[in-house]
Amino acid sequence: VEGLTKSVALENAEHGIRVNCVRPAV
């Protein structure tokens, strides 16, 4: 999921789309 987040963010930054993730503990 972390890899998907980074890749899709890079692909879509110029299109005005932001992609992030959150990392919860328990």
PDB file of all heavy atoms in Angstrom:
ATOM      1  N   VAL A   1       0.838  -1.204   0.000  1.00  0.00           N
ATOM      2  CA  VAL A   1       0.000   0.000   0.000  1.00  0.00           C
ATOM      3  C   VAL A   1       0.873   1.255   0.000  1.00  0.00           C
ATOM      4  O   VAL A   1       0.559   2.244  -0.677  1.00  0.00           O
ATOM      5  CB  VAL A   1      -0.958  -0.004   1.207  1.00  0.00           C
ATOM      6  CG1 VAL A   1      -1.614   1.364   1.396  1.00  0.00           C
ATOM      7  CG2 VAL A   1      -2.016  -1.086   1.032  1.00  0.00           C
ATOM      8  N   GLU A   2       1.970   1.213   0.735  1.00  0.00           N
ATOM      9  CA  GLU A   2       2.888   2.358   0.747  1.00  0.00           C
ATOM     10  C   GLU A   2       3.466   2.600  -0.650  1.00  0.00           C
ATOM     11  O   GLU A   2       3.566   3.740  -1.111  1.00  0.00           O
ATOM     12  CB  GLU A   2       4.022   2.110   1.746  1.00  0.00           C
ATOM     13  CG  GLU A   2       3.571   1.930   3.175  1.00  0.00           C
ATOM     14  CD  GLU A   2       3.650   3.199   3.999  1.00  0.00           C
ATOM     15  OE1 GLU A   2       4.250   4.196   3.525  1.00  0.00           O
ATOM     16  OE2 GLU A   2       3.115   3.198   5.122  1.00  0.00           O
ATOM     17  N   GLY A   3       3.848   1.534  -1.336  1.00  0.00           N
ATOM     18  CA  GLY A   3       4.377   1.672  -2.686  1.00  0.00           C
ATOM     19  C   GLY A   3       3.339   2.197  -3.656  1.00  0.00           C
ATOM     20  O   GLY A   3       3.634   3.058  -4.503  1.00  0.00           O
ATOM     21  N   LEU A   4       2.108   1.703  -3.546  1.00  0.00           N
ATOM     22  CA  LEU A   4       1.024   2.205  -4.382  1.00  0.00           C
ATOM     23  C   LEU A   4       0.805   3.694  -4.139  1.00  0.00           C
ATOM     24  O   LEU A   4       0.619   4.481  -5.085  1.00  0.00           O
ATOM     25  CB  LEU A   4      -0.270   1.451  -4.076  1.00  0.00           C
ATOM     26  CG  LEU A   4      -0.463   0.085  -4.717  1.00  0.00           C
ATOM     27  CD1 LEU A   4      -1.675  -0.611  -4.114  1.00  0.00           C
ATOM     28  CD2 LEU A   4      -0.634   0.217  -6.224  1.00  0.00           C
ATOM     29  N   THR A   5       0.816   4.085  -2.885  1.00  0.00           N
ATOM     30  CA  THR A   5       0.599   5.488  -2.538  1.00  0.00           C
ATOM     31  C   THR A   5       1.622   6.388  -3.219  1.00  0.00           C
ATOM     32  O   THR A   5       1.276   7.403  -3.842  1.00  0.00           O
ATOM     33  CB  THR A   5       0.661   5.674  -1.015  1.00  0.00           C
ATOM     34  OG1 THR A   5      -0.385   4.893  -0.403  1.00  0.00           O
ATOM     35  CG2 THR A   5       0.497   7.125  -0.612  1.00  0.00           C
ATOM     36  N   LYS A   6       2.883   6.025  -3.127  1.00  0.00           N
ATOM     37  CA  LYS A   6       3.943   6.854  -3.717  1.00  0.00           C
ATOM     38  C   LYS A   6       3.830   6.890  -5.244  1.00  0.00           C
ATOM     39  O   LYS A   6       3.931   7.963  -5.859  1.00  0.00           O
ATOM     40  CB  LYS A   6       5.308   6.302  -3.307  1.00  0.00           C
ATOM     41  CG  LYS A   6       5.598   6.440  -1.821  1.00  0.00           C
ATOM     42  CD  LYS A   6       6.906   5.758  -1.464  1.00  0.00           C
ATOM     43  CE  LYS A   6       7.171   5.797   0.038  1.00  0.00           C
ATOM     44  NZ  LYS A   6       8.412   5.082   0.400  1.00  0.00           N
ATOM     45  N   SER A   7       3.644   5.731  -5.850  1.00  0.00           N
ATOM     46  CA  SER A   7       3.602   5.665  -7.317  1.00  0.00           C
ATOM     47  C   SER A   7       2.428   6.449  -7.882  1.00  0.00           C
ATOM     48  O   SER A   7       2.573   7.215  -8.845  1.00  0.00           O
ATOM     49  CB  SER A   7       3.527   4.209  -7.782  1.00  0.00           C
ATOM     50  OG  SER A   7       4.713   3.517  -7.461  1.00  0.00           O
ATOM     51  N   VAL A   8       1.239   6.262  -7.289  1.00  0.00           N
ATOM     52  CA  VAL A   8       0.051   6.935  -7.806  1.00  0.00           C
ATOM     53  C   VAL A   8       0.124   8.437  -7.545  1.00  0.00           C
ATOM     54  O   VAL A   8      -0.347   9.245  -8.355  1.00  0.00           O
ATOM     55  CB  VAL A   8      -1.224   6.302  -7.216  1.00  0.00           C
ATOM     56  CG1 VAL A   8      -2.474   6.999  -7.726  1.00  0.00           C
ATOM     57  CG2 VAL A   8      -1.282   4.814  -7.583  1.00  0.00           C
ATOM     58  N   ALA A   9       0.739   8.831  -6.442  1.00  0.00           N
ATOM     59  CA  ALA A   9       0.934  10.262  -6.181  1.00  0.00           C
ATOM     60  C   ALA A   9       1.818  10.891  -7.247  1.00  0.00           C
ATOM     61  O   ALA A   9       1.516  11.984  -7.765  1.00  0.00           O
ATOM     62  CB  ALA A   9       1.543  10.469  -4.801  1.00  0.00           C
ATOM     63  N   LEU A  10       2.903  10.229  -7.596  1.00  0.00           N
ATOM     64  CA  LEU A  10       3.801  10.756  -8.619  1.00  0.00           C
ATOM     65  C   LEU A  10       3.116  10.844  -9.979  1.00  0.00           C
ATOM     66  O   LEU A  10       3.272  11.827 -10.707  1.00  0.00           O
ATOM     67  CB  LEU A  10       5.042   9.868  -8.723  1.00  0.00           C
ATOM     68  CG  LEU A  10       6.055   9.993  -7.577  1.00  0.00           C
ATOM     69  CD1 LEU A  10       7.085   8.873  -7.665  1.00  0.00           C
ATOM     70  CD2 LEU A  10       6.748  11.352  -7.629  1.00  0.00           C
ATOM     71  N   GLU A  11       2.340   9.824 -10.328  1.00  0.00           N
ATOM     72  CA  GLU A  11       1.655   9.803 -11.614  1.00  0.00           C
ATOM     73  C   GLU A  11       0.638  10.936 -11.753  1.00  0.00           C
ATOM     74  O   GLU A  11       0.365  11.391 -12.876  1.00  0.00           O
ATOM     75  CB  GLU A  11       0.915   8.472 -11.803  1.00  0.00           C
ATOM     76  CG  GLU A  11       1.790   7.284 -12.095  1.00  0.00           C
ATOM     77  CD  GLU A  11       0.960   6.012 -12.259  1.00  0.00           C
ATOM     78  OE1 GLU A  11      -0.272   6.111 -12.480  1.00  0.00           O
ATOM     79  OE2 GLU A  11       1.546   4.920 -12.148  1.00  0.00           O
ATOM     80  N   ASN A  12       0.083  11.367 -10.649  1.00  0.00           N
ATOM     81  CA  ASN A  12      -1.081  12.253 -10.711  1.00  0.00           C
ATOM     82  C   ASN A  12      -0.893  13.635 -10.118  1.00  0.00           C
ATOM     83  O   ASN A  12      -1.833  14.425 -10.089  1.00  0.00           O
ATOM     84  CB  ASN A  12      -2.270  11.555 -10.042  1.00  0.00           C
ATOM     85  CG  ASN A  12      -2.738  10.366 -10.857  1.00  0.00           C
ATOM     86  OD1 ASN A  12      -3.441  10.520 -11.847  1.00  0.00           O
ATOM     87  ND2 ASN A  12      -2.318   9.173 -10.452  1.00  0.00           N
ATOM     88  N   ALA A  13       0.315  13.952  -9.677  1.00  0.00           N
ATOM     89  CA  ALA A  13       0.551  15.265  -9.084  1.00  0.00           C
ATOM     90  C   ALA A  13       0.230  16.383 -10.072  1.00  0.00           C
ATOM     91  O   ALA A  13      -0.387  17.396  -9.712  1.00  0.00           O
ATOM     92  CB  ALA A  13       1.996  15.368  -8.610  1.00  0.00           C
ATOM     93  N   GLU A  14       0.628  16.219 -11.316  1.00  0.00           N
ATOM     94  CA  GLU A  14       0.384  17.279 -12.303  1.00  0.00           C
ATOM     95  C   GLU A  14      -1.091  17.388 -12.679  1.00  0.00           C
ATOM     96  O   GLU A  14      -1.505  18.363 -13.319  1.00  0.00           O
ATOM     97  CB  GLU A  14       1.210  17.023 -13.565  1.00  0.00           C
ATOM     98  CG  GLU A  14       0.844  15.760 -14.313  1.00  0.00           C
ATOM     99  CD  GLU A  14       1.722  15.545 -15.541  1.00  0.00           C
ATOM    100  OE1 GLU A  14       1.836  16.472 -16.362  1.00  0.00           O
ATOM    101  OE2 GLU A  14       2.298  14.446 -15.661  1.00  0.00           O
ATOM    102  N   HIS A  15      -1.892  16.413 -12.276  1.00  0.00           N
ATOM    103  CA  HIS A  15      -3.326  16.446 -12.545  1.00  0.00           C
ATOM    104  C   HIS A  15      -4.128  16.994 -11.368  1.00  0.00           C
ATOM    105  O   HIS A  15      -5.360  16.946 -11.374  1.00  0.00           O
ATOM    106  CB  HIS A  15      -3.821  15.047 -12.902  1.00  0.00           C
ATOM    107  CG  HIS A  15      -3.181  14.490 -14.129  1.00  0.00           C
ATOM    108  ND1 HIS A  15      -3.508  14.908 -15.399  1.00  0.00           N
ATOM    109  CD2 HIS A  15      -2.199  13.553 -14.272  1.00  0.00           C
ATOM    110  CE1 HIS A  15      -2.774  14.246 -16.285  1.00  0.00           C
ATOM    111  NE2 HIS A  15      -1.974  13.434 -15.628  1.00  0.00           N
ATOM    112  N   GLY A  16      -3.425  17.497 -10.353  1.00  0.00           N
ATOM    113  CA  GLY A  16      -4.107  18.087  -9.211  1.00  0.00           C
ATOM    114  C   GLY A  16      -4.651  17.082  -8.215  1.00  0.00           C
ATOM    115  O   GLY A  16      -5.488  17.430  -7.375  1.00  0.00           O
ATOM    116  N   ILE A  17      -4.164  15.843  -8.290  1.00  0.00           N
ATOM    117  CA  ILE A  17      -4.655  14.784  -7.402  1.00  0.00           C
ATOM    118  C   ILE A  17      -3.578  14.463  -6.374  1.00  0.00           C
ATOM    119  O   ILE A  17      -2.439  14.144  -6.735  1.00  0.00           O
ATOM    120  CB  ILE A  17      -5.015  13.516  -8.194  1.00  0.00           C
ATOM    121  CG1 ILE A  17      -6.091  13.836  -9.236  1.00  0.00           C
ATOM    122  CG2 ILE A  17      -5.481  12.409  -7.248  1.00  0.00           C
ATOM    123  CD1 ILE A  17      -6.314  12.724 -10.243  1.00  0.00           C
ATOM    124  N   ARG A  18      -3.944  14.528  -5.108  1.00  0.00           N
ATOM    125  CA  ARG A  18      -3.025  14.180  -4.022  1.00  0.00           C
ATOM    126  C   ARG A  18      -3.348  12.778  -3.507  1.00  0.00           C
ATOM    127  O   ARG A  18      -4.517  12.419  -3.383  1.00  0.00           O
ATOM    128  CB  ARG A  18      -3.134  15.188  -2.880  1.00  0.00           C
ATOM    129  CG  ARG A  18      -2.752  16.605  -3.291  1.00  0.00           C
ATOM    130  CD  ARG A  18      -2.727  17.560  -2.110  1.00  0.00           C
ATOM    131  NE  ARG A  18      -4.023  17.708  -1.461  1.00  0.00           N
ATOM    132  CZ  ARG A  18      -4.356  17.183  -0.305  1.00  0.00           C
ATOM    133  NH1 ARG A  18      -3.499  16.437   0.390  1.00  0.00           N
ATOM    134  NH2 ARG A  18      -5.556  17.389   0.211  1.00  0.00           N
ATOM    135  N   VAL A  19      -2.298  12.006  -3.204  1.00  0.00           N
ATOM    136  CA  VAL A  19      -2.467  10.643  -2.694  1.00  0.00           C
ATOM    137  C   VAL A  19      -1.543  10.460  -1.503  1.00  0.00           C
ATOM    138  O   VAL A  19      -0.322  10.646  -1.616  1.00  0.00           O
ATOM    139  CB  VAL A  19      -2.147   9.590  -3.769  1.00  0.00           C
ATOM    140  CG1 VAL A  19      -2.505   8.194  -3.260  1.00  0.00           C
ATOM    141  CG2 VAL A  19      -2.877   9.892  -5.080  1.00  0.00           C
ATOM    142  N   ASN A  20      -2.121  10.112  -0.365  1.00  0.00           N
ATOM    143  CA  ASN A  20      -1.353   9.910   0.855  1.00  0.00           C
ATOM    144  C   ASN A  20      -1.836   8.653   1.569  1.00  0.00           C
ATOM    145  O   ASN A  20      -2.813   8.026   1.163  1.00  0.00           O
ATOM    146  CB  ASN A  20      -1.520  11.120   1.783  1.00  0.00           C
ATOM    147  CG  ASN A  20      -0.854  12.367   1.237  1.00  0.00           C
ATOM    148  OD1 ASN A  20       0.367  12.470   1.226  1.00  0.00           O
ATOM    149  ND2 ASN A  20      -1.655  13.320   0.766  1.00  0.00           N
ATOM    150  N   CYS A  21      -1.149   8.300   2.643  1.00  0.00           N
ATOM    151  CA  CYS A  21      -1.614   7.193   3.475  1.00  0.00           C
ATOM    152  C   CYS A  21      -1.467   7.562   4.941  1.00  0.00           C
ATOM    153  O   CYS A  21      -0.763   8.517   5.294  1.00  0.00           O
ATOM    154  CB  CYS A  21      -0.856   5.893   3.167  1.00  0.00           C
ATOM    155  SG  CYS A  21       0.898   5.898   3.593  1.00  0.00           S
ATOM    156  N   VAL A  22      -2.157   6.827   5.778  1.00  0.00           N
ATOM    157  CA  VAL A  22      -1.991   6.969   7.228  1.00  0.00           C
ATOM    158  C   VAL A  22      -1.523   5.634   7.789  1.00  0.00           C
ATOM    159  O   VAL A  22      -1.812   4.575   7.240  1.00  0.00           O
ATOM    160  CB  VAL A  22      -3.283   7.422   7.929  1.00  0.00           C
ATOM    161  CG1 VAL A  22      -3.634   8.845   7.533  1.00  0.00           C
ATOM    162  CG2 VAL A  22      -4.435   6.484   7.654  1.00  0.00           C
ATOM    163  N   ARG A  23      -0.792   5.726   8.893  1.00  0.00           N
ATOM    164  CA  ARG A  23      -0.196   4.536   9.508  1.00  0.00           C
ATOM    165  C   ARG A  23      -0.651   4.417  10.962  1.00  0.00           C
ATOM    166  O   ARG A  23       0.068   4.830  11.880  1.00  0.00           O
ATOM    167  CB  ARG A  23       1.326   4.622   9.451  1.00  0.00           C
ATOM    168  CG  ARG A  23       1.891   4.813   8.050  1.00  0.00           C
ATOM    169  CD  ARG A  23       3.401   4.847   8.065  1.00  0.00           C
ATOM    170  NE  ARG A  23       3.918   5.174   6.750  1.00  0.00           N
ATOM    171  CZ  ARG A  23       4.506   6.330   6.428  1.00  0.00           C
ATOM    172  NH1 ARG A  23       4.653   7.285   7.363  1.00  0.00           N
ATOM    173  NH2 ARG A  23       4.941   6.534   5.214  1.00  0.00           N
ATOM    174  N   PRO A  24      -1.820   3.844  11.187  1.00  0.00           N
ATOM    175  CA  PRO A  24      -2.258   3.651  12.569  1.00  0.00           C
ATOM    176  C   PRO A  24      -1.478   2.538  13.264  1.00  0.00           C
ATOM    177  O   PRO A  24      -1.005   1.579  12.626  1.00  0.00           O
ATOM    178  CB  PRO A  24      -3.732   3.253  12.435  1.00  0.00           C
ATOM    179  CG  PRO A  24      -4.096   3.562  11.006  1.00  0.00           C
ATOM    180  CD  PRO A  24      -2.835   3.437  10.222  1.00  0.00           C
ATOM    181  N   ALA A  25      -1.369   2.646  14.563  1.00  0.00           N
ATOM    182  CA  ALA A  25      -0.971   1.513  15.398  1.00  0.00           C
ATOM    183  C   ALA A  25      -2.269   0.781  15.761  1.00  0.00           C
ATOM    184  O   ALA A  25      -3.232   0.813  15.009  1.00  0.00           O
ATOM    185  CB  ALA A  25      -0.216   2.008  16.617  1.00  0.00           C
ATOM    186  N   VAL A  26      -2.308   0.114  16.869  1.00  0.00           N
ATOM    187  CA  VAL A  26      -3.517  -0.608  17.282  1.00  0.00           C
ATOM    188  C   VAL A  26      -4.648   0.382  17.556  1.00  0.00           C
ATOM    189  O   VAL A  26      -4.465   1.374  18.262  1.00  0.00           O
ATOM    190  CB  VAL A  26      -3.241  -1.462  18.536  1.00  0.00           C
ATOM    191  CG1 VAL A  26      -4.533  -2.076  19.060  1.00  0.00           C
ATOM    192  CG2 VAL A  26      -2.240  -2.554  18.210  1.00  0.00           C
TER     193      VAL A  26
END
